[in-house]
């Protein structure tokens, strides 16, 4: 075994950790959230920050609320919408028929069937 003087976890030229007198932590407060499964999650936030009503539980992923006696239920995921569903939200049936007729007329002109 070679006799080498190595300090583990340090590298040559590394700087020491910043001393505590050079900085001061912002005032914080602990906010506790509870999920439906009974998990309590404590988050430290800045005292002047707005506290969100819901927080995702890191253990089970369910939404967690501030009230331990009445935690929020499962969030209902919004169903997947197709492109056609978004188009139908923007257009009426009459507008859709007019656009379809216009596209078919242009296609027939290109193919020489007009």
PDB file of N, CA and C in Angstrom:
ATOM      1  N   UNK A   1       0.842  -1.174   0.000  1.00  0.00           N
ATOM      2  CA  UNK A   1       0.000   0.000   0.000  1.00  0.00           C
ATOM      3  C   UNK A   1       0.889   1.239   0.000  1.00  0.00           C
ATOM      4  N   UNK A   2       0.675   2.121  -0.960  1.00  0.00           N
ATOM      5  CA  UNK A   2       1.528   3.312  -1.030  1.00  0.00           C
ATOM      6  C   UNK A   2       1.210   4.277   0.100  1.00  0.00           C
ATOM      7  N   UNK A   3       2.220   4.971   0.536  1.00  0.00           N
ATOM      8  CA  UNK A   3       2.023   5.957   1.600  1.00  0.00           C
ATOM      9  C   UNK A   3       1.839   7.334   0.964  1.00  0.00           C
ATOM     10  N   UNK A   4       0.600   7.616   0.627  1.00  0.00           N
ATOM     11  CA  UNK A   4       0.263   8.888  -0.012  1.00  0.00           C
ATOM     12  C   UNK A   4      -0.671   9.640   0.922  1.00  0.00           C
ATOM     13  N   UNK A   5      -0.423  10.908   1.091  1.00  0.00           N
ATOM     14  CA  UNK A   5      -1.253  11.728   1.948  1.00  0.00           C
ATOM     15  C   UNK A   5      -2.396  12.304   1.111  1.00  0.00           C
ATOM     16  N   UNK A   6      -3.553  11.667   1.168  1.00  0.00           N
ATOM     17  CA  UNK A   6      -4.714  12.116   0.393  1.00  0.00           C
ATOM     18  C   UNK A   6      -5.827  12.486   1.354  1.00  0.00           C
ATOM     19  N   UNK A   7      -6.390  13.645   1.132  1.00  0.00           N
ATOM     20  CA  UNK A   7      -7.554  14.050   1.912  1.00  0.00           C
ATOM     21  C   UNK A   7      -8.767  13.718   1.066  1.00  0.00           C
ATOM     22  N   UNK A   8      -9.545  12.777   1.542  1.00  0.00           N
ATOM     23  CA  UNK A   8     -10.709  12.346   0.765  1.00  0.00           C
ATOM     24  C   UNK A   8     -11.772  13.447   0.736  1.00  0.00           C
ATOM     25  N   UNK A   9     -12.395  13.576  -0.432  1.00  0.00           N
ATOM     26  CA  UNK A   9     -13.482  14.524  -0.574  1.00  0.00           C
ATOM     27  C   UNK A   9     -13.035  15.939  -0.837  1.00  0.00           C
ATOM     28  N   UNK A  10     -11.750  16.169  -0.962  1.00  0.00           N
ATOM     29  CA  UNK A  10     -11.253  17.518  -1.236  1.00  0.00           C
ATOM     30  C   UNK A  10     -10.374  17.464  -2.464  1.00  0.00           C
ATOM     31  N   UNK A  11     -10.276  18.554  -3.120  1.00  0.00           N
ATOM     32  CA  UNK A  11      -9.398  18.630  -4.277  1.00  0.00           C
ATOM     33  C   UNK A  11      -8.427  19.781  -4.058  1.00  0.00           C
ATOM     34  N   UNK A  12      -7.368  19.767  -4.799  1.00  0.00           N
ATOM     35  CA  UNK A  12      -6.368  20.814  -4.666  1.00  0.00           C
ATOM     36  C   UNK A  12      -6.976  22.139  -5.119  1.00  0.00           C
ATOM     37  N   UNK A  13      -6.843  23.131  -4.303  1.00  0.00           N
ATOM     38  CA  UNK A  13      -7.362  24.447  -4.656  1.00  0.00           C
ATOM     39  C   UNK A  13      -8.808  24.643  -4.279  1.00  0.00           C
ATOM     40  N   UNK A  14      -9.398  23.673  -3.591  1.00  0.00           N
ATOM     41  CA  UNK A  14     -10.807  23.848  -3.215  1.00  0.00           C
ATOM     42  C   UNK A  14     -10.916  24.923  -2.145  1.00  0.00           C
ATOM     43  N   UNK A  15     -12.023  25.588  -2.147  1.00  0.00           N
ATOM     44  CA  UNK A  15     -12.229  26.660  -1.186  1.00  0.00           C
ATOM     45  C   UNK A  15     -13.035  26.135  -0.009  1.00  0.00           C
ATOM     46  N   UNK A  16     -12.859  26.720   1.144  1.00  0.00           N
ATOM     47  CA  UNK A  16     -13.648  26.264   2.290  1.00  0.00           C
ATOM     48  C   UNK A  16     -15.109  26.657   2.137  1.00  0.00           C
ATOM     49  N   UNK A  17     -15.967  25.987   2.883  1.00  0.00           N
ATOM     50  CA  UNK A  17     -17.386  26.314   2.861  1.00  0.00           C
ATOM     51  C   UNK A  17     -17.564  27.738   3.364  1.00  0.00           C
ATOM     52  N   UNK A  18     -18.606  28.397   2.828  1.00  0.00           N
ATOM     53  CA  UNK A  18     -18.817  29.794   3.214  1.00  0.00           C
ATOM     54  C   UNK A  18     -19.165  29.890   4.688  1.00  0.00           C
ATOM     55  N   UNK A  19     -18.519  30.764   5.390  1.00  0.00           N
ATOM     56  CA  UNK A  19     -18.857  30.927   6.807  1.00  0.00           C
ATOM     57  C   UNK A  19     -20.252  31.529   6.963  1.00  0.00           C
ATOM     58  N   UNK A  20     -20.905  31.186   8.053  1.00  0.00           N
ATOM     59  CA  UNK A  20     -22.284  31.618   8.288  1.00  0.00           C
ATOM     60  C   UNK A  20     -22.407  33.131   8.454  1.00  0.00           C
ATOM     61  N   UNK A  21     -21.354  33.810   8.837  1.00  0.00           N
ATOM     62  CA  UNK A  21     -21.483  35.249   9.056  1.00  0.00           C
ATOM     63  C   UNK A  21     -21.543  36.033   7.750  1.00  0.00           C
ATOM     64  N   UNK A  22     -21.253  35.400   6.620  1.00  0.00           N
ATOM     65  CA  UNK A  22     -21.283  36.111   5.339  1.00  0.00           C
ATOM     66  C   UNK A  22     -22.680  36.223   4.742  1.00  0.00           C
ATOM     67  N   UNK A  23     -23.596  35.411   5.194  1.00  0.00           N
ATOM     68  CA  UNK A  23     -24.938  35.467   4.640  1.00  0.00           C
ATOM     69  C   UNK A  23     -25.942  35.171   5.747  1.00  0.00           C
ATOM     70  N   UNK A  24     -27.176  35.523   5.470  1.00  0.00           N
ATOM     71  CA  UNK A  24     -28.242  35.287   6.434  1.00  0.00           C
ATOM     72  C   UNK A  24     -29.427  34.709   5.674  1.00  0.00           C
ATOM     73  N   UNK A  25     -30.003  33.641   6.191  1.00  0.00           N
ATOM     74  CA  UNK A  25     -31.143  33.020   5.545  1.00  0.00           C
ATOM     75  C   UNK A  25     -32.359  33.936   5.617  1.00  0.00           C
ATOM     76  N   UNK A  26     -33.177  33.866   4.586  1.00  0.00           N
ATOM     77  CA  UNK A  26     -34.416  34.635   4.584  1.00  0.00           C
ATOM     78  C   UNK A  26     -35.356  34.063   5.639  1.00  0.00           C
ATOM     79  N   UNK A  27     -36.208  34.886   6.213  1.00  0.00           N
ATOM     80  CA  UNK A  27     -37.155  34.361   7.204  1.00  0.00           C
ATOM     81  C   UNK A  27     -38.074  33.328   6.548  1.00  0.00           C
ATOM     82  N   UNK A  28     -38.215  32.175   7.202  1.00  0.00           N
ATOM     83  CA  UNK A  28     -39.008  31.091   6.638  1.00  0.00           C
ATOM     84  C   UNK A  28     -40.047  30.633   7.637  1.00  0.00           C
ATOM     85  N   UNK A  29     -41.024  29.884   7.098  1.00  0.00           N
ATOM     86  CA  UNK A  29     -42.042  29.271   7.945  1.00  0.00           C
ATOM     87  C   UNK A  29     -42.330  27.875   7.414  1.00  0.00           C
ATOM     88  N   UNK A  30     -42.757  27.021   8.297  1.00  0.00           N
ATOM     89  CA  UNK A  30     -43.087  25.649   7.915  1.00  0.00           C
ATOM     90  C   UNK A  30     -44.572  25.567   7.594  1.00  0.00           C
ATOM     91  N   UNK A  31     -44.885  24.967   6.443  1.00  0.00           N
ATOM     92  CA  UNK A  31     -46.268  24.770   6.012  1.00  0.00           C
ATOM     93  C   UNK A  31     -46.480  23.274   5.861  1.00  0.00           C
ATOM     94  N   UNK A  32     -47.536  22.744   6.490  1.00  0.00           N
ATOM     95  CA  UNK A  32     -47.797  21.313   6.459  1.00  0.00           C
ATOM     96  C   UNK A  32     -49.002  21.022   5.576  1.00  0.00           C
ATOM     97  N   UNK A  33     -48.872  20.001   4.739  1.00  0.00           N
ATOM     98  CA  UNK A  33     -49.931  19.537   3.853  1.00  0.00           C
ATOM     99  C   UNK A  33     -50.229  18.080   4.167  1.00  0.00           C
ATOM    100  N   UNK A  34     -51.517  17.690   4.062  1.00  0.00           N
ATOM    101  CA  UNK A  34     -51.929  16.309   4.279  1.00  0.00           C
ATOM    102  C   UNK A  34     -52.655  15.800   3.044  1.00  0.00           C
ATOM    103  N   UNK A  35     -52.352  14.551   2.651  1.00  0.00           N
ATOM    104  CA  UNK A  35     -53.023  13.935   1.510  1.00  0.00           C
ATOM    105  C   UNK A  35     -54.093  12.973   2.009  1.00  0.00           C
ATOM    106  N   UNK A  36     -54.847  12.393   1.093  1.00  0.00           N
ATOM    107  CA  UNK A  36     -55.939  11.487   1.420  1.00  0.00           C
ATOM    108  C   UNK A  36     -55.438  10.213   2.112  1.00  0.00           C
ATOM    109  N   UNK A  37     -54.203   9.812   1.849  1.00  0.00           N
ATOM    110  CA  UNK A  37     -53.640   8.604   2.451  1.00  0.00           C
ATOM    111  C   UNK A  37     -53.066   8.849   3.847  1.00  0.00           C
ATOM    112  N   UNK A  38     -53.160  10.067   4.353  1.00  0.00           N
ATOM    113  CA  UNK A  38     -52.687  10.369   5.695  1.00  0.00           C
ATOM    114  C   UNK A  38     -51.226  10.770   5.772  1.00  0.00           C
ATOM    115  N   UNK A  39     -50.574  10.980   4.655  1.00  0.00           N
ATOM    116  CA  UNK A  39     -49.178  11.411   4.656  1.00  0.00           C
ATOM    117  C   UNK A  39     -49.112  12.906   4.963  1.00  0.00           C
ATOM    118  N   UNK A  40     -48.233  13.275   5.864  1.00  0.00           N
ATOM    119  CA  UNK A  40     -48.005  14.681   6.180  1.00  0.00           C
ATOM    120  C   UNK A  40     -46.700  15.125   5.528  1.00  0.00           C
ATOM    121  N   UNK A  41     -46.746  16.257   4.843  1.00  0.00           N
ATOM    122  CA  UNK A  41     -45.577  16.803   4.164  1.00  0.00           C
ATOM    123  C   UNK A  41     -45.346  18.211   4.684  1.00  0.00           C
ATOM    124  N   UNK A  42     -44.170  18.457   5.205  1.00  0.00           N
ATOM    125  CA  UNK A  42     -43.852  19.788   5.721  1.00  0.00           C
ATOM    126  C   UNK A  42     -42.894  20.466   4.751  1.00  0.00           C
ATOM    127  N   UNK A  43     -43.305  21.616   4.272  1.00  0.00           N
ATOM    128  CA  UNK A  43     -42.529  22.399   3.306  1.00  0.00           C
ATOM    129  C   UNK A  43     -42.109  23.694   3.988  1.00  0.00           C
ATOM    130  N   UNK A  44     -40.847  24.079   3.819  1.00  0.00           N
ATOM    131  CA  UNK A  44     -40.376  25.356   4.355  1.00  0.00           C
ATOM    132  C   UNK A  44     -40.420  26.375   3.230  1.00  0.00           C
ATOM    133  N   UNK A  45     -41.133  27.469   3.478  1.00  0.00           N
ATOM    134  CA  UNK A  45     -41.301  28.525   2.477  1.00  0.00           C
ATOM    135  C   UNK A  45     -40.921  29.860   3.086  1.00  0.00           C
ATOM    136  N   UNK A  46     -40.608  30.793   2.223  1.00  0.00           N
ATOM    137  CA  UNK A  46     -40.309  32.148   2.682  1.00  0.00           C
ATOM    138  C   UNK A  46     -41.542  32.712   3.368  1.00  0.00           C
ATOM    139  N   UNK A  47     -41.334  33.469   4.410  1.00  0.00           N
ATOM    140  CA  UNK A  47     -42.468  33.964   5.196  1.00  0.00           C
ATOM    141  C   UNK A  47     -43.346  34.930   4.408  1.00  0.00           C
ATOM    142  N   UNK A  48     -42.799  35.589   3.408  1.00  0.00           N
ATOM    143  CA  UNK A  48     -43.605  36.523   2.629  1.00  0.00           C
ATOM    144  C   UNK A  48     -44.157  35.906   1.348  1.00  0.00           C
ATOM    145  N   UNK A  49     -43.909  34.614   1.104  1.00  0.00           N
ATOM    146  CA  UNK A  49     -44.390  33.954  -0.111  1.00  0.00           C
ATOM    147  C   UNK A  49     -45.853  33.543   0.048  1.00  0.00           C
ATOM    148  N   UNK A  50     -46.575  33.528  -1.077  1.00  0.00           N
ATOM    149  CA  UNK A  50     -47.956  33.056  -1.072  1.00  0.00           C
ATOM    150  C   UNK A  50     -47.946  31.534  -0.938  1.00  0.00           C
ATOM    151  N   UNK A  51     -48.746  31.023  -0.024  1.00  0.00           N
ATOM    152  CA  UNK A  51     -48.811  29.582   0.220  1.00  0.00           C
ATOM    153  C   UNK A  51     -49.834  28.980  -0.733  1.00  0.00           C
ATOM    154  N   UNK A  52     -49.447  27.991  -1.553  1.00  0.00           N
ATOM    155  CA  UNK A  52     -50.414  27.372  -2.472  1.00  0.00           C
ATOM    156  C   UNK A  52     -51.433  26.542  -1.701  1.00  0.00           C
ATOM    157  N   UNK A  53     -52.639  26.452  -2.231  1.00  0.00           N
ATOM    158  CA  UNK A  53     -53.703  25.692  -1.577  1.00  0.00           C
ATOM    159  C   UNK A  53     -53.439  24.198  -1.652  1.00  0.00           C
ATOM    160  N   UNK A  54     -52.850  23.736  -2.749  1.00  0.00           N
ATOM    161  CA  UNK A  54     -52.572  22.311  -2.937  1.00  0.00           C
ATOM    162  C   UNK A  54     -51.088  22.092  -3.174  1.00  0.00           C
ATOM    163  N   UNK A  55     -50.622  20.904  -2.775  1.00  0.00           N
ATOM    164  CA  UNK A  55     -49.233  20.494  -2.977  1.00  0.00           C
ATOM    165  C   UNK A  55     -49.249  19.002  -3.279  1.00  0.00           C
ATOM    166  N   UNK A  56     -48.451  18.546  -4.220  1.00  0.00           N
ATOM    167  CA  UNK A  56     -48.401  17.118  -4.530  1.00  0.00           C
ATOM    168  C   UNK A  56     -47.651  16.379  -3.431  1.00  0.00           C
ATOM    169  N   UNK A  57     -48.242  15.281  -2.950  1.00  0.00           N
ATOM    170  CA  UNK A  57     -47.603  14.474  -1.917  1.00  0.00           C
ATOM    171  C   UNK A  57     -46.398  13.762  -2.529  1.00  0.00           C
ATOM    172  N   UNK A  58     -45.205  13.902  -1.939  1.00  0.00           N
ATOM    173  CA  UNK A  58     -44.022  13.253  -2.514  1.00  0.00           C
ATOM    174  C   UNK A  58     -44.030  11.731  -2.345  1.00  0.00           C
ATOM    175  N   UNK A  59     -44.859  11.200  -1.444  1.00  0.00           N
ATOM    176  CA  UNK A  59     -44.878   9.751  -1.209  1.00  0.00           C
ATOM    177  C   UNK A  59     -45.830   9.031  -2.150  1.00  0.00           C
ATOM    178  N   UNK A  60     -47.039   9.580  -2.375  1.00  0.00           N
ATOM    179  CA  UNK A  60     -48.025   8.863  -3.191  1.00  0.00           C
ATOM    180  C   UNK A  60     -48.460   9.631  -4.430  1.00  0.00           C
ATOM    181  N   UNK A  61     -48.137  10.924  -4.529  1.00  0.00           N
ATOM    182  CA  UNK A  61     -48.473  11.700  -5.716  1.00  0.00           C
ATOM    183  C   UNK A  61     -49.866  12.308  -5.699  1.00  0.00           C
ATOM    184  N   UNK A  62     -50.668  12.025  -4.680  1.00  0.00           N
ATOM    185  CA  UNK A  62     -51.999  12.611  -4.598  1.00  0.00           C
ATOM    186  C   UNK A  62     -51.908  14.075  -4.192  1.00  0.00           C
ATOM    187  N   UNK A  63     -52.930  14.867  -4.515  1.00  0.00           N
ATOM    188  CA  UNK A  63     -52.906  16.260  -4.052  1.00  0.00           C
ATOM    189  C   UNK A  63     -53.070  16.310  -2.541  1.00  0.00           C
ATOM    190  N   UNK A  64     -52.365  17.222  -1.911  1.00  0.00           N
ATOM    191  CA  UNK A  64     -52.421  17.400  -0.471  1.00  0.00           C
ATOM    192  C   UNK A  64     -52.879  18.814  -0.171  1.00  0.00           C
ATOM    193  N   UNK A  65     -53.664  18.965   0.907  1.00  0.00           N
ATOM    194  CA  UNK A  65     -54.193  20.266   1.295  1.00  0.00           C
ATOM    195  C   UNK A  65     -53.746  20.650   2.691  1.00  0.00           C
ATOM    196  N   UNK A  66     -54.129  21.844   3.109  1.00  0.00           N
ATOM    197  CA  UNK A  66     -53.707  22.368   4.402  1.00  0.00           C
ATOM    198  C   UNK A  66     -54.549  21.841   5.554  1.00  0.00           C
ATOM    199  N   UNK A  67     -55.777  21.356   5.284  1.00  0.00           N
ATOM    200  CA  UNK A  67     -56.681  20.879   6.324  1.00  0.00           C
ATOM    201  C   UNK A  67     -56.459  19.388   6.557  1.00  0.00           C
ATOM    202  N   UNK A  68     -55.994  19.025   7.751  1.00  0.00           N
ATOM    203  CA  UNK A  68     -55.707  17.613   8.048  1.00  0.00           C
ATOM    204  C   UNK A  68     -56.977  16.790   8.161  1.00  0.00           C
ATOM    205  N   UNK A  69     -58.081  17.396   8.602  1.00  0.00           N
ATOM    206  CA  UNK A  69     -59.328  16.658   8.772  1.00  0.00           C
ATOM    207  C   UNK A  69     -60.076  16.453   7.458  1.00  0.00           C
ATOM    208  N   UNK A  70     -59.831  17.296   6.491  1.00  0.00           N
ATOM    209  CA  UNK A  70     -60.535  17.202   5.218  1.00  0.00           C
ATOM    210  C   UNK A  70     -59.552  17.375   4.059  1.00  0.00           C
ATOM    211  N   UNK A  71     -58.701  16.370   3.781  1.00  0.00           N
ATOM    212  CA  UNK A  71     -57.747  16.506   2.674  1.00  0.00           C
ATOM    213  C   UNK A  71     -58.460  16.401   1.332  1.00  0.00           C
ATOM    214  N   UNK A  72     -57.883  16.974   0.294  1.00  0.00           N
ATOM    215  CA  UNK A  72     -58.535  16.925  -1.022  1.00  0.00           C
ATOM    216  C   UNK A  72     -58.541  15.503  -1.571  1.00  0.00           C
ATOM    217  N   UNK A  73     -59.524  15.233  -2.430  1.00  0.00           N
ATOM    218  CA  UNK A  73     -59.628  13.922  -3.063  1.00  0.00           C
ATOM    219  C   UNK A  73     -58.720  13.830  -4.275  1.00  0.00           C
ATOM    220  N   UNK A  74     -58.892  12.745  -4.990  1.00  0.00           N
ATOM    221  CA  UNK A  74     -58.100  12.550  -6.213  1.00  0.00           C
ATOM    222  C   UNK A  74     -58.458  13.600  -7.246  1.00  0.00           C
ATOM    223  N   UNK A  75     -57.458  14.103  -7.926  1.00  0.00           N
ATOM    224  CA  UNK A  75     -57.686  15.062  -9.000  1.00  0.00           C
ATOM    225  C   UNK A  75     -58.163  14.300 -10.224  1.00  0.00           C
ATOM    226  N   UNK A  76     -59.252  14.767 -10.820  1.00  0.00           N
ATOM    227  CA  UNK A  76     -59.748  14.112 -12.023  1.00  0.00           C
ATOM    228  C   UNK A  76     -58.934  14.605 -13.208  1.00  0.00           C
ATOM    229  N   UNK A  77     -58.264  13.699 -13.888  1.00  0.00           N
ATOM    230  CA  UNK A  77     -57.480  14.141 -15.040  1.00  0.00           C
ATOM    231  C   UNK A  77     -58.400  14.555 -16.184  1.00  0.00           C
ATOM    232  N   UNK A  78     -57.991  15.603 -16.871  1.00  0.00           N
ATOM    233  CA  UNK A  78     -58.769  16.062 -18.008  1.00  0.00           C
ATOM    234  C   UNK A  78     -58.580  15.075 -19.156  1.00  0.00           C
ATOM    235  N   UNK A  79     -59.663  14.657 -19.781  1.00  0.00           N
ATOM    236  CA  UNK A  79     -59.512  13.671 -20.854  1.00  0.00           C
ATOM    237  C   UNK A  79     -58.720  14.233 -22.028  1.00  0.00           C
ATOM    238  N   UNK A  80     -58.072  13.339 -22.747  1.00  0.00           N
ATOM    239  CA  UNK A  80     -57.276  13.727 -23.908  1.00  0.00           C
ATOM    240  C   UNK A  80     -58.189  14.243 -24.996  1.00  0.00           C
ATOM    241  N   UNK A  81     -57.843  15.383 -25.553  1.00  0.00           N
ATOM    242  CA  UNK A  81     -58.632  15.947 -26.647  1.00  0.00           C
ATOM    243  C   UNK A  81     -57.888  15.777 -27.959  1.00  0.00           C
ATOM    244  N   UNK A  82     -58.611  15.398 -28.962  1.00  0.00           N
ATOM    245  CA  UNK A  82     -58.023  15.266 -30.291  1.00  0.00           C
ATOM    246  C   UNK A  82     -57.998  16.633 -30.972  1.00  0.00           C
ATOM    247  N   UNK A  83     -57.324  16.683 -32.092  1.00  0.00           N
ATOM    248  CA  UNK A  83     -57.276  17.919 -32.866  1.00  0.00           C
ATOM    249  C   UNK A  83     -58.683  18.307 -33.316  1.00  0.00           C
ATOM    250  N   UNK A  84     -59.469  17.308 -33.697  1.00  0.00           N
ATOM    251  CA  UNK A  84     -60.832  17.566 -34.149  1.00  0.00           C
ATOM    252  C   UNK A  84     -61.677  18.177 -33.031  1.00  0.00           C
ATOM    253  N   UNK A  85     -61.481  17.740 -31.790  1.00  0.00           N
ATOM    254  CA  UNK A  85     -62.242  18.303 -30.671  1.00  0.00           C
ATOM    255  C   UNK A  85     -61.907  19.781 -30.469  1.00  0.00           C
ATOM    256  N   UNK A  86     -60.634  20.146 -30.622  1.00  0.00           N
ATOM    257  CA  UNK A  86     -60.261  21.555 -30.495  1.00  0.00           C
ATOM    258  C   UNK A  86     -60.835  22.380 -31.639  1.00  0.00           C
ATOM    259  N   UNK A  87     -60.860  21.821 -32.855  1.00  0.00           N
ATOM    260  CA  UNK A  87     -61.435  22.537 -33.997  1.00  0.00           C
ATOM    261  C   UNK A  87     -62.927  22.747 -33.780  1.00  0.00           C
ATOM    262  N   UNK A  88     -63.615  21.726 -33.265  1.00  0.00           N
ATOM    263  CA  UNK A  88     -65.056  21.845 -33.031  1.00  0.00           C
ATOM    264  C   UNK A  88     -65.380  22.867 -31.950  1.00  0.00           C
ATOM    265  N   UNK A  89     -64.456  23.120 -31.041  1.00  0.00           N
ATOM    266  CA  UNK A  89     -64.663  24.170 -30.047  1.00  0.00           C
ATOM    267  C   UNK A  89     -64.636  25.552 -30.690  1.00  0.00           C
ATOM    268  N   UNK A  90     -63.814  25.710 -31.720  1.00  0.00           N
ATOM    269  CA  UNK A  90     -63.646  27.019 -32.350  1.00  0.00           C
ATOM    270  C   UNK A  90     -64.647  27.285 -33.463  1.00  0.00           C
ATOM    271  N   UNK A  91     -65.123  26.246 -34.139  1.00  0.00           N
ATOM    272  CA  UNK A  91     -65.974  26.402 -35.326  1.00  0.00           C
ATOM    273  C   UNK A  91     -67.357  25.810 -35.092  1.00  0.00           C
ATOM    274  N   UNK A  92     -68.358  26.415 -35.728  1.00  0.00           N
ATOM    275  CA  UNK A  92     -69.698  25.838 -35.699  1.00  0.00           C
ATOM    276  C   UNK A  92     -69.800  24.801 -36.822  1.00  0.00           C
ATOM    277  N   UNK A  93     -70.890  24.029 -36.824  1.00  0.00           N
ATOM    278  CA  UNK A  93     -71.074  23.021 -37.874  1.00  0.00           C
ATOM    279  C   UNK A  93     -71.208  23.670 -39.248  1.00  0.00           C
ATOM    280  N   UNK A  94     -71.879  24.819 -39.315  1.00  0.00           N
ATOM    281  CA  UNK A  94     -72.058  25.512 -40.596  1.00  0.00           C
ATOM    282  C   UNK A  94     -70.708  25.990 -41.143  1.00  0.00           C
ATOM    283  N   UNK A  95     -69.853  26.542 -40.253  1.00  0.00           N
ATOM    284  CA  UNK A  95     -68.518  26.979 -40.691  1.00  0.00           C
ATOM    285  C   UNK A  95     -67.692  25.782 -41.159  1.00  0.00           C
ATOM    286  N   UNK A  96     -67.804  24.659 -40.480  1.00  0.00           N
ATOM    287  CA  UNK A  96     -67.073  23.464 -40.871  1.00  0.00           C
ATOM    288  C   UNK A  96     -67.500  22.956 -42.240  1.00  0.00           C
ATOM    289  N   UNK A  97     -68.814  22.972 -42.509  1.00  0.00           N
ATOM    290  CA  UNK A  97     -69.316  22.542 -43.819  1.00  0.00           C
ATOM    291  C   UNK A  97     -68.812  23.474 -44.921  1.00  0.00           C
ATOM    292  N   UNK A  98     -68.780  24.790 -44.656  1.00  0.00           N
ATOM    293  CA  UNK A  98     -68.305  25.753 -45.657  1.00  0.00           C
ATOM    294  C   UNK A  98     -66.818  25.542 -45.941  1.00  0.00           C
ATOM    295  N   UNK A  99     -66.022  25.307 -44.909  1.00  0.00           N
ATOM    296  CA  UNK A  99     -64.583  25.089 -45.097  1.00  0.00           C
ATOM    297  C   UNK A  99     -64.345  23.792 -45.854  1.00  0.00           C
ATOM    298  N   UNK A 100     -65.111  22.749 -45.528  1.00  0.00           N
ATOM    299  CA  UNK A 100     -64.968  21.466 -46.220  1.00  0.00           C
ATOM    300  C   UNK A 100     -65.346  21.603 -47.691  1.00  0.00           C
ATOM    301  N   UNK A 101     -66.436  22.315 -47.993  1.00  0.00           N
ATOM    302  CA  UNK A 101     -66.853  22.512 -49.386  1.00  0.00           C
ATOM    303  C   UNK A 101     -65.789  23.285 -50.154  1.00  0.00           C
ATOM    304  N   UNK A 102     -65.209  24.289 -49.529  1.00  0.00           N
ATOM    305  CA  UNK A 102     -64.157  25.082 -50.180  1.00  0.00           C
ATOM    306  C   UNK A 102     -62.918  24.224 -50.452  1.00  0.00           C
ATOM    307  N   UNK A 103     -62.516  23.378 -49.497  1.00  0.00           N
ATOM    308  CA  UNK A 103     -61.350  22.520 -49.685  1.00  0.00           C
ATOM    309  C   UNK A 103     -61.605  21.477 -50.765  1.00  0.00           C
ATOM    310  N   UNK A 104     -62.824  20.912 -50.807  1.00  0.00           N
ATOM    311  CA  UNK A 104     -63.141  19.929 -51.844  1.00  0.00           C
ATOM    312  C   UNK A 104     -63.169  20.566 -53.228  1.00  0.00           C
ATOM    313  N   UNK A 105     -63.678  21.802 -53.337  1.00  0.00           N
ATOM    314  CA  UNK A 105     -63.692  22.510 -54.624  1.00  0.00           C
ATOM    315  C   UNK A 105     -62.269  22.777 -55.093  1.00  0.00           C
ATOM    316  N   UNK A 106     -61.379  23.171 -54.190  1.00  0.00           N
ATOM    317  CA  UNK A 106     -59.983  23.417 -54.576  1.00  0.00           C
ATOM    318  C   UNK A 106     -59.314  22.123 -54.997  1.00  0.00           C
ATOM    319  N   UNK A 107     -59.599  21.019 -54.338  1.00  0.00           N
ATOM    320  CA  UNK A 107     -59.026  19.727 -54.702  1.00  0.00           C
ATOM    321  C   UNK A 107     -59.513  19.281 -56.077  1.00  0.00           C
ATOM    322  N   UNK A 108     -60.802  19.481 -56.347  1.00  0.00           N
ATOM    323  CA  UNK A 108     -61.353  19.101 -57.661  1.00  0.00           C
ATOM    324  C   UNK A 108     -60.758  19.952 -58.779  1.00  0.00           C
ATOM    325  N   UNK A 109     -60.502  21.252 -58.503  1.00  0.00           N
ATOM    326  CA  UNK A 109     -59.872  22.121 -59.516  1.00  0.00           C
ATOM    327  C   UNK A 109     -58.462  21.652 -59.819  1.00  0.00           C
ATOM    328  N   UNK A 110     -57.705  21.265 -58.793  1.00  0.00           N
ATOM    329  CA  UNK A 110     -56.345  20.794 -59.011  1.00  0.00           C
ATOM    330  C   UNK A 110     -56.322  19.506 -59.823  1.00  0.00           C
ATOM    331  N   UNK A 111     -57.296  18.648 -59.614  1.00  0.00           N
ATOM    332  CA  UNK A 111     -57.346  17.377 -60.317  1.00  0.00           C
ATOM    333  C   UNK A 111     -58.011  17.507 -61.695  1.00  0.00           C
ATOM    334  N   UNK A 112     -58.562  18.681 -61.990  1.00  0.00           N
ATOM    335  CA  UNK A 112     -59.154  18.929 -63.289  1.00  0.00           C
ATOM    336  C   UNK A 112     -60.539  18.348 -63.437  1.00  0.00           C
ATOM    337  N   UNK A 113     -61.269  18.207 -62.379  1.00  0.00           N
ATOM    338  CA  UNK A 113     -62.621  17.636 -62.444  1.00  0.00           C
ATOM    339  C   UNK A 113     -63.696  18.711 -62.297  1.00  0.00           C
ATOM    340  N   UNK A 114     -63.368  19.924 -62.452  1.00  0.00           N
ATOM    341  CA  UNK A 114     -64.349  20.994 -62.227  1.00  0.00           C
ATOM    342  C   UNK A 114     -65.042  21.403 -63.479  1.00  0.00           C
TER     343      UNK A 114
END
